[in-house]
Amino acid sequence: MPEIRTREEFLKVMDENRLWGGWQLALEDGSISGVESYQEQKDTAEAYKECFPKAAEEIMRENEQVKNG
């Protein structure tokens, strides 16, 4: 996991994670890359939620919506 110092860096990493492996489509078709990408996104948001609470909460909420369809 990269070192993240600013909210902008956090959001950039989150966007890169979203794009990695086309995670939304991968989640829909149930491929492992989607599951791994979702977990990476969730782990990064969890790790930085104290530093960037609002941004992390938005990312986590969005992840759950995508995961739950």
Protein backbone atom coordinates (compact mmCIF):
# COMPACT_ATOMS: atom_id res chain seq x y z
CA MET A 1 0.00 0.00 0.00
CA PRO A 2 1.45 3.37 -0.96
CA GLU A 3 2.16 6.06 1.59
CA ILE A 4 -0.62 8.62 1.33
CA ARG A 5 -0.15 12.08 2.80
CA THR A 6 -2.96 14.21 1.36
CA ARG A 7 -6.64 13.82 0.57
CA GLU A 8 -5.81 14.25 -3.12
CA GLU A 9 -3.30 11.39 -3.00
CA PHE A 10 -5.88 9.27 -1.20
CA LEU A 11 -8.52 9.93 -3.86
CA LYS A 12 -6.00 9.26 -6.64
CA VAL A 13 -5.14 5.87 -5.15
CA MET A 14 -8.83 5.10 -4.75
CA ASP A 15 -9.47 5.96 -8.40
CA GLU A 16 -6.53 3.80 -9.50
CA ASN A 17 -7.88 0.92 -7.42
CA ARG A 18 -11.30 1.34 -9.01
CA LEU A 19 -9.80 1.11 -12.48
CA TRP A 20 -7.53 -1.83 -11.69
CA GLY A 21 -8.99 -4.90 -13.43
CA GLY A 22 -12.26 -3.11 -14.15
CA TRP A 23 -13.38 -3.93 -10.64
CA GLN A 24 -17.05 -3.05 -11.07
CA LEU A 25 -17.45 -5.33 -14.08
CA ALA A 26 -15.36 -8.01 -12.44
CA LEU A 27 -17.60 -7.93 -9.40
CA GLU A 28 -20.65 -8.32 -11.61
CA ASP A 29 -19.28 -11.39 -13.37
CA GLY A 30 -17.85 -12.83 -10.14
CA SER A 31 -14.26 -13.06 -11.30
CA ILE A 32 -11.54 -13.21 -8.67
CA SER A 33 -9.89 -10.02 -9.94
CA GLY A 34 -13.01 -8.12 -8.97
CA VAL A 35 -13.00 -9.61 -5.51
CA GLU A 36 -9.32 -8.80 -5.07
CA SER A 37 -9.81 -5.26 -6.34
CA TYR A 38 -12.80 -4.71 -4.06
CA GLN A 39 -10.77 -5.97 -1.09
CA GLU A 40 -7.80 -3.76 -1.99
CA GLN A 41 -10.11 -0.74 -2.26
CA LYS A 42 -11.76 -1.57 1.07
CA ASP A 43 -8.42 -2.17 2.83
CA THR A 44 -6.97 1.13 1.61
CA ALA A 45 -10.07 3.06 2.65
CA GLU A 46 -10.03 1.36 6.07
CA ALA A 47 -6.34 2.11 6.56
CA TYR A 48 -6.75 5.81 5.86
CA LYS A 49 -10.21 6.51 7.25
CA GLU A 50 -8.80 8.31 10.30
CA CYS A 51 -6.81 10.69 8.08
CA PHE A 52 -9.53 11.21 5.48
CA PRO A 53 -12.80 10.21 7.17
CA LYS A 54 -15.29 11.72 4.73
CA ALA A 55 -13.51 10.54 1.59
CA ALA A 56 -12.94 7.06 3.01
CA GLU A 57 -16.55 6.77 4.10
CA GLU A 58 -17.76 7.73 0.61
CA ILE A 59 -15.47 5.13 -0.99
CA MET A 60 -16.56 2.41 1.43
CA ARG A 61 -20.24 3.23 0.92
CA GLU A 62 -19.79 3.17 -2.86
CA ASN A 63 -17.97 -0.18 -2.64
CA GLU A 64 -20.83 -1.70 -0.67
CA GLN A 65 -23.39 -0.42 -3.17
CA VAL A 66 -21.46 -1.95 -6.06
CA LYS A 67 -20.88 -5.19 -4.17
CA ASN A 68 -24.55 -5.50 -3.24
CA GLY A 69 -25.75 -4.55 -6.72
